[in-house]
Amino acid sequence: VLVWNCDERPVRSSNTSDPPTCSPTHRLVGHADSVLCLAWCSSRRLLMSGSNDQTVRVWSSDSSWECVRVLSGHLGPVLAVGVIDTIGRLVTCSDDRFLRVWTLGTWELVRETGDGHGSAVNNLVVTKGDQVLTFDDTTAVVWNADPWGIVRSVPLQGEVCAAKMLRSSVLTGNFDGSVCVWD
């Protein structure tokens, strides 16, 4: 994982409309394989990274980006991580079909479920209303975060390979080259 500083203006330019230059400031080393996903917890200033090595590493920006915790237990690559900051939870998803829910700070595993998905859970989005949407090859599942539980499952037309929140909509990028907007 590389941490970048993008606050600097180009040296030769005094024009404030020029885009900033970016330079790496820290290299976070610890995963034994490729890093596949990242999530930021602004209230605790923590970065979570999920990896092909089946772990999630927690990095503290307050301690010069030191790895402060390694979360393990998934039996496949960790494909998505998401923070539910309002209730202090981290959700991790894996190729093993399982979602794991951890308490931020104590890192206690509070929930593990394979319900709702028949294949690798490859993406997740945390909504503004503290719901979690998870995606596999054929299904989107909407979860309530507190108390945890399935709200509904939605069959998908194509395989989702990327998912993001934009205001109150969910955007998905699909393997067929399409982008879908979900209201």
C-alpha atoms as a PDB file:
ATOM      1  CA  VAL A   1       0.000   0.000   0.000  1.00  0.00           C
ATOM      2  CA  LEU A   2       1.342   3.452  -0.887  1.00  0.00           C
ATOM      3  CA  VAL A   3       0.212   6.609   0.906  1.00  0.00           C
ATOM      4  CA  TRP A   4       0.392   9.694  -1.322  1.00  0.00           C
ATOM      5  CA  ASN A   5       0.613  13.424  -0.603  1.00  0.00           C
ATOM      6  CA  CYS A   6      -1.297  15.370  -3.255  1.00  0.00           C
ATOM      7  CA  ASP A   7      -1.269  18.782  -1.579  1.00  0.00           C
ATOM      8  CA  GLU A   8       1.774  20.216  -3.291  1.00  0.00           C
ATOM      9  CA  ARG A   9       1.618  22.634  -6.254  1.00  0.00           C
ATOM     10  CA  PRO A  10       4.049  22.138  -9.133  1.00  0.00           C
ATOM     11  CA  VAL A  11       7.391  23.741  -8.317  1.00  0.00           C
ATOM     12  CA  ARG A  12       7.595  25.786 -11.536  1.00  0.00           C
ATOM     13  CA  SER A  13       4.089  27.195 -11.281  1.00  0.00           C
ATOM     14  CA  SER A  14       2.608  29.936  -9.144  1.00  0.00           C
ATOM     15  CA  ASN A  15      -0.767  29.432 -10.814  1.00  0.00           C
ATOM     16  CA  THR A  16      -3.165  28.086  -8.149  1.00  0.00           C
ATOM     17  CA  SER A  17      -5.347  26.509 -10.840  1.00  0.00           C
ATOM     18  CA  ASP A  18      -2.565  24.043 -11.779  1.00  0.00           C
ATOM     19  CA  PRO A  19      -3.313  20.574 -10.450  1.00  0.00           C
ATOM     20  CA  PRO A  20      -1.306  19.465  -7.438  1.00  0.00           C
ATOM     21  CA  THR A  21       1.542  17.036  -7.888  1.00  0.00           C
ATOM     22  CA  CYS A  22       1.432  13.808  -5.941  1.00  0.00           C
ATOM     23  CA  SER A  23       4.284  11.965  -4.331  1.00  0.00           C
ATOM     24  CA  PRO A  24       4.324   8.817  -2.207  1.00  0.00           C
ATOM     25  CA  THR A  25       5.062   9.462   1.464  1.00  0.00           C
ATOM     26  CA  HIS A  26       4.741   6.002   3.031  1.00  0.00           C
ATOM     27  CA  ARG A  27       4.933   2.405   1.846  1.00  0.00           C
ATOM     28  CA  LEU A  28       2.819   0.143   4.066  1.00  0.00           C
ATOM     29  CA  VAL A  29       4.361  -3.321   4.062  1.00  0.00           C
ATOM     30  CA  GLY A  30       2.927  -6.412   5.675  1.00  0.00           C
ATOM     31  CA  HIS A  31       0.556  -8.284   3.375  1.00  0.00           C
ATOM     32  CA  ALA A  32       1.947 -11.504   1.910  1.00  0.00           C
ATOM     33  CA  ASP A  33       0.059 -11.044  -1.385  1.00  0.00           C
ATOM     34  CA  SER A  34      -1.801  -8.454  -3.506  1.00  0.00           C
ATOM     35  CA  VAL A  35      -3.888  -5.765  -1.814  1.00  0.00           C
ATOM     36  CA  LEU A  36      -7.382  -5.912  -3.337  1.00  0.00           C
ATOM     37  CA  CYS A  37      -9.408  -3.307  -1.429  1.00  0.00           C
ATOM     38  CA  LEU A  38      -9.177  -0.347   0.952  1.00  0.00           C
ATOM     39  CA  ALA A  39     -11.478   1.461   3.382  1.00  0.00           C
ATOM     40  CA  TRP A  40     -10.891   4.626   5.434  1.00  0.00           C
ATOM     41  CA  CYS A  41     -12.319   5.333   8.894  1.00  0.00           C
ATOM     42  CA  SER A  42     -12.181   9.117   9.265  1.00  0.00           C
ATOM     43  CA  SER A  43     -13.248   9.256  12.921  1.00  0.00           C
ATOM     44  CA  ARG A  44     -10.382   6.977  14.010  1.00  0.00           C
ATOM     45  CA  ARG A  45      -7.933   7.896  11.230  1.00  0.00           C
ATOM     46  CA  LEU A  46      -7.489   4.238  10.269  1.00  0.00           C
ATOM     47  CA  LEU A  47      -6.947   2.600   6.896  1.00  0.00           C
ATOM     48  CA  MET A  48      -8.069  -0.984   6.371  1.00  0.00           C
ATOM     49  CA  SER A  49      -6.569  -3.077   3.553  1.00  0.00           C
ATOM     50  CA  GLY A  50      -7.907  -6.438   2.362  1.00  0.00           C
ATOM     51  CA  SER A  51      -5.655  -8.863   0.576  1.00  0.00           C
ATOM     52  CA  ASN A  52      -5.277 -12.013  -1.454  1.00  0.00           C
ATOM     53  CA  ASP A  53      -3.473 -13.346   1.656  1.00  0.00           C
ATOM     54  CA  GLN A  54      -6.927 -13.697   3.324  1.00  0.00           C
ATOM     55  CA  THR A  55      -6.262 -10.992   5.936  1.00  0.00           C
ATOM     56  CA  VAL A  56      -7.280  -7.418   6.679  1.00  0.00           C
ATOM     57  CA  ARG A  57      -4.598  -5.101   8.022  1.00  0.00           C
ATOM     58  CA  VAL A  58      -5.438  -2.010  10.038  1.00  0.00           C
ATOM     59  CA  TRP A  59      -3.036   0.928   9.631  1.00  0.00           C
ATOM     60  CA  SER A  60      -2.992   3.979  11.927  1.00  0.00           C
ATOM     61  CA  SER A  61      -2.239   7.341  10.335  1.00  0.00           C
ATOM     62  CA  ASP A  62      -1.620   8.717  13.843  1.00  0.00           C
ATOM     63  CA  SER A  63       1.347   6.374  14.385  1.00  0.00           C
ATOM     64  CA  SER A  64       3.273   6.965  11.164  1.00  0.00           C
ATOM     65  CA  TRP A  65       1.096   4.393   9.380  1.00  0.00           C
ATOM     66  CA  GLU A  66       2.005   1.496  11.636  1.00  0.00           C
ATOM     67  CA  CYS A  67       0.019  -1.736  11.272  1.00  0.00           C
ATOM     68  CA  VAL A  68      -1.938  -1.882  14.534  1.00  0.00           C
ATOM     69  CA  ARG A  69      -3.960  -5.045  13.890  1.00  0.00           C
ATOM     70  CA  VAL A  70      -4.216  -8.026  11.553  1.00  0.00           C
ATOM     71  CA  LEU A  71      -7.690  -9.538  11.194  1.00  0.00           C
ATOM     72  CA  SER A  72      -7.833 -13.109   9.974  1.00  0.00           C
ATOM     73  CA  GLY A  73     -10.392 -15.855   9.541  1.00  0.00           C
ATOM     74  CA  HIS A  74     -11.525 -15.592   5.931  1.00  0.00           C
ATOM     75  CA  LEU A  75     -10.802 -18.719   3.901  1.00  0.00           C
ATOM     76  CA  GLY A  76     -10.350 -16.838   0.646  1.00  0.00           C
ATOM     77  CA  PRO A  77      -9.047 -13.499  -0.602  1.00  0.00           C
ATOM     78  CA  VAL A  78     -10.623 -10.451   1.076  1.00  0.00           C
ATOM     79  CA  LEU A  79     -12.377  -8.713  -1.817  1.00  0.00           C
ATOM     80  CA  ALA A  80     -14.126  -5.797  -0.072  1.00  0.00           C
ATOM     81  CA  VAL A  81     -13.986  -3.845   3.180  1.00  0.00           C
ATOM     82  CA  GLY A  82     -16.311  -1.117   4.436  1.00  0.00           C
ATOM     83  CA  VAL A  83     -16.640   1.027   7.559  1.00  0.00           C
ATOM     84  CA  ILE A  84     -19.936   1.779   9.292  1.00  0.00           C
ATOM     85  CA  ASP A  85     -18.516   4.671  11.277  1.00  0.00           C
ATOM     86  CA  THR A  86     -21.729   5.657  13.092  1.00  0.00           C
ATOM     87  CA  ILE A  87     -21.953   2.323  14.917  1.00  0.00           C
ATOM     88  CA  GLY A  88     -18.233   1.493  15.009  1.00  0.00           C
ATOM     89  CA  ARG A  89     -18.168  -1.525  12.709  1.00  0.00           C
ATOM     90  CA  LEU A  90     -15.964  -2.877   9.935  1.00  0.00           C
ATOM     91  CA  VAL A  91     -17.468  -5.257   7.361  1.00  0.00           C
ATOM     92  CA  THR A  92     -15.220  -7.573   5.356  1.00  0.00           C
ATOM     93  CA  CYS A  93     -16.241  -9.763   2.402  1.00  0.00           C
ATOM     94  CA  SER A  94     -14.413 -12.625   0.818  1.00  0.00           C
ATOM     95  CA  ASP A  95     -14.118 -15.148  -1.941  1.00  0.00           C
ATOM     96  CA  ASP A  96     -15.220 -17.678   0.744  1.00  0.00           C
ATOM     97  CA  ARG A  97     -18.851 -16.296   0.484  1.00  0.00           C
ATOM     98  CA  PHE A  98     -18.711 -14.951   4.043  1.00  0.00           C
ATOM     99  CA  LEU A  99     -19.214 -11.510   5.498  1.00  0.00           C
ATOM    100  CA  ARG A 100     -17.528 -10.735   8.783  1.00  0.00           C
ATOM    101  CA  VAL A 101     -18.468  -7.828  11.020  1.00  0.00           C
ATOM    102  CA  TRP A 102     -15.865  -6.498  13.458  1.00  0.00           C
ATOM    103  CA  THR A 103     -16.035  -3.887  16.226  1.00  0.00           C
ATOM    104  CA  LEU A 104     -13.736  -0.940  15.482  1.00  0.00           C
ATOM    105  CA  GLY A 105     -11.119  -0.516  18.210  1.00  0.00           C
ATOM    106  CA  THR A 106     -11.501  -3.851  20.039  1.00  0.00           C
ATOM    107  CA  TRP A 107     -11.508  -5.782  16.735  1.00  0.00           C
ATOM    108  CA  GLU A 108     -13.892  -8.349  18.172  1.00  0.00           C
ATOM    109  CA  LEU A 109     -15.617 -10.491  15.548  1.00  0.00           C
ATOM    110  CA  VAL A 110     -19.312  -9.825  16.233  1.00  0.00           C
ATOM    111  CA  ARG A 111     -20.896 -11.553  13.246  1.00  0.00           C
ATOM    112  CA  GLU A 112     -20.007 -14.033  10.539  1.00  0.00           C
ATOM    113  CA  THR A 113     -22.567 -14.968   7.930  1.00  0.00           C
ATOM    114  CA  GLY A 114     -22.696 -16.759   4.615  1.00  0.00           C
ATOM    115  CA  ASP A 115     -26.417 -16.052   4.229  1.00  0.00           C
ATOM    116  CA  GLY A 116     -27.642 -14.387   1.077  1.00  0.00           C
ATOM    117  CA  HIS A 117     -24.812 -15.237  -1.292  1.00  0.00           C
ATOM    118  CA  GLY A 118     -24.095 -18.342  -3.334  1.00  0.00           C
ATOM    119  CA  SER A 119     -20.661 -17.310  -4.563  1.00  0.00           C
ATOM    120  CA  ALA A 120     -17.763 -14.989  -3.739  1.00  0.00           C
ATOM    121  CA  VAL A 121     -18.874 -11.697  -2.166  1.00  0.00           C
ATOM    122  CA  ASN A 122     -16.836  -9.375  -4.357  1.00  0.00           C
ATOM    123  CA  ASN A 123     -18.038  -5.880  -3.428  1.00  0.00           C
ATOM    124  CA  LEU A 124     -19.791  -3.898  -0.751  1.00  0.00           C
ATOM    125  CA  VAL A 125     -21.140  -0.396  -0.227  1.00  0.00           C
ATOM    126  CA  VAL A 126     -22.113   1.267   3.050  1.00  0.00           C
ATOM    127  CA  THR A 127     -25.044   3.643   2.514  1.00  0.00           C
ATOM    128  CA  LYS A 128     -25.680   6.962   4.244  1.00  0.00           C
ATOM    129  CA  GLY A 129     -28.471   5.217   6.188  1.00  0.00           C
ATOM    130  CA  ASP A 130     -26.062   2.605   7.585  1.00  0.00           C
ATOM    131  CA  GLN A 131     -27.262  -0.178   5.363  1.00  0.00           C
ATOM    132  CA  VAL A 132     -24.727  -2.442   3.711  1.00  0.00           C
ATOM    133  CA  LEU A 133     -25.118  -3.652   0.126  1.00  0.00           C
ATOM    134  CA  THR A 134     -23.089  -6.698  -0.831  1.00  0.00           C
ATOM    135  CA  PHE A 135     -22.655  -8.149  -4.306  1.00  0.00           C
ATOM    136  CA  ASP A 136     -21.772 -11.545  -5.720  1.00  0.00           C
ATOM    137  CA  ASP A 137     -21.950 -12.789  -9.308  1.00  0.00           C
ATOM    138  CA  THR A 138     -25.754 -12.909  -9.454  1.00  0.00           C
ATOM    139  CA  THR A 139     -27.204 -11.161  -6.388  1.00  0.00           C
ATOM    140  CA  ALA A 140     -27.178  -7.887  -4.485  1.00  0.00           C
ATOM    141  CA  VAL A 141     -28.114  -8.211  -0.803  1.00  0.00           C
ATOM    142  CA  VAL A 142     -29.259  -5.263   1.312  1.00  0.00           C
ATOM    143  CA  TRP A 143     -28.405  -5.602   5.017  1.00  0.00           C
ATOM    144  CA  ASN A 144     -29.461  -3.577   8.039  1.00  0.00           C
ATOM    145  CA  ALA A 145     -26.355  -2.827  10.050  1.00  0.00           C
ATOM    146  CA  ASP A 146     -27.980  -2.469  13.468  1.00  0.00           C
ATOM    147  CA  PRO A 147     -29.519  -4.873  14.234  1.00  0.00           C
ATOM    148  CA  TRP A 148     -27.785  -6.969  11.583  1.00  0.00           C
ATOM    149  CA  GLY A 149     -30.090  -8.743   9.145  1.00  0.00           C
ATOM    150  CA  ILE A 150     -31.078  -9.162   5.516  1.00  0.00           C
ATOM    151  CA  VAL A 151     -33.582  -6.587   4.257  1.00  0.00           C
ATOM    152  CA  ARG A 152     -33.885  -8.021   0.751  1.00  0.00           C
ATOM    153  CA  SER A 153     -32.055  -9.740  -2.094  1.00  0.00           C
ATOM    154  CA  VAL A 154     -32.079  -8.387  -5.624  1.00  0.00           C
ATOM    155  CA  PRO A 155     -31.173 -10.554  -8.638  1.00  0.00           C
ATOM    156  CA  LEU A 156     -28.581  -8.921 -10.891  1.00  0.00           C
ATOM    157  CA  GLN A 157     -28.504  -8.768 -14.683  1.00  0.00           C
ATOM    158  CA  GLY A 158     -24.697  -8.896 -14.829  1.00  0.00           C
ATOM    159  CA  GLU A 159     -21.680  -9.476 -12.633  1.00  0.00           C
ATOM    160  CA  VAL A 160     -20.670  -6.486 -10.507  1.00  0.00           C
ATOM    161  CA  CYS A 161     -16.939  -5.728 -10.355  1.00  0.00           C
ATOM    162  CA  ALA A 162     -17.077  -2.259  -8.734  1.00  0.00           C
ATOM    163  CA  ALA A 163     -19.522  -0.447  -6.465  1.00  0.00           C
ATOM    164  CA  LYS A 164     -19.607   3.082  -4.983  1.00  0.00           C
ATOM    165  CA  MET A 165     -22.025   5.457  -3.258  1.00  0.00           C
ATOM    166  CA  LEU A 166     -22.827   8.790  -4.891  1.00  0.00           C
ATOM    167  CA  ARG A 167     -25.118  10.862  -2.684  1.00  0.00           C
ATOM    168  CA  SER A 168     -28.177   8.619  -2.290  1.00  0.00           C
ATOM    169  CA  SER A 169     -27.498   6.366  -5.284  1.00  0.00           C
ATOM    170  CA  VAL A 170     -25.392   3.246  -5.625  1.00  0.00           C
ATOM    171  CA  LEU A 171     -23.271   2.948  -8.776  1.00  0.00           C
ATOM    172  CA  THR A 172     -22.104  -0.434 -10.022  1.00  0.00           C
ATOM    173  CA  GLY A 173     -19.589  -1.210 -12.715  1.00  0.00           C
ATOM    174  CA  ASN A 174     -20.151  -4.524 -14.394  1.00  0.00           C
ATOM    175  CA  PHE A 175     -17.964  -7.041 -16.179  1.00  0.00           C
ATOM    176  CA  ASP A 176     -20.015  -6.512 -19.364  1.00  0.00           C
ATOM    177  CA  GLY A 177     -18.758  -2.907 -19.547  1.00  0.00           C
ATOM    178  CA  SER A 178     -21.965  -1.302 -18.279  1.00  0.00           C
ATOM    179  CA  VAL A 179     -22.480   1.047 -15.336  1.00  0.00           C
ATOM    180  CA  CYS A 180     -25.778   0.893 -13.436  1.00  0.00           C
ATOM    181  CA  VAL A 181     -27.256   3.587 -11.169  1.00  0.00           C
ATOM    182  CA  TRP A 182     -29.441   2.254  -8.338  1.00  0.00           C
ATOM    183  CA  ASP A 183     -31.776   4.645  -6.514  1.00  0.00           C
END
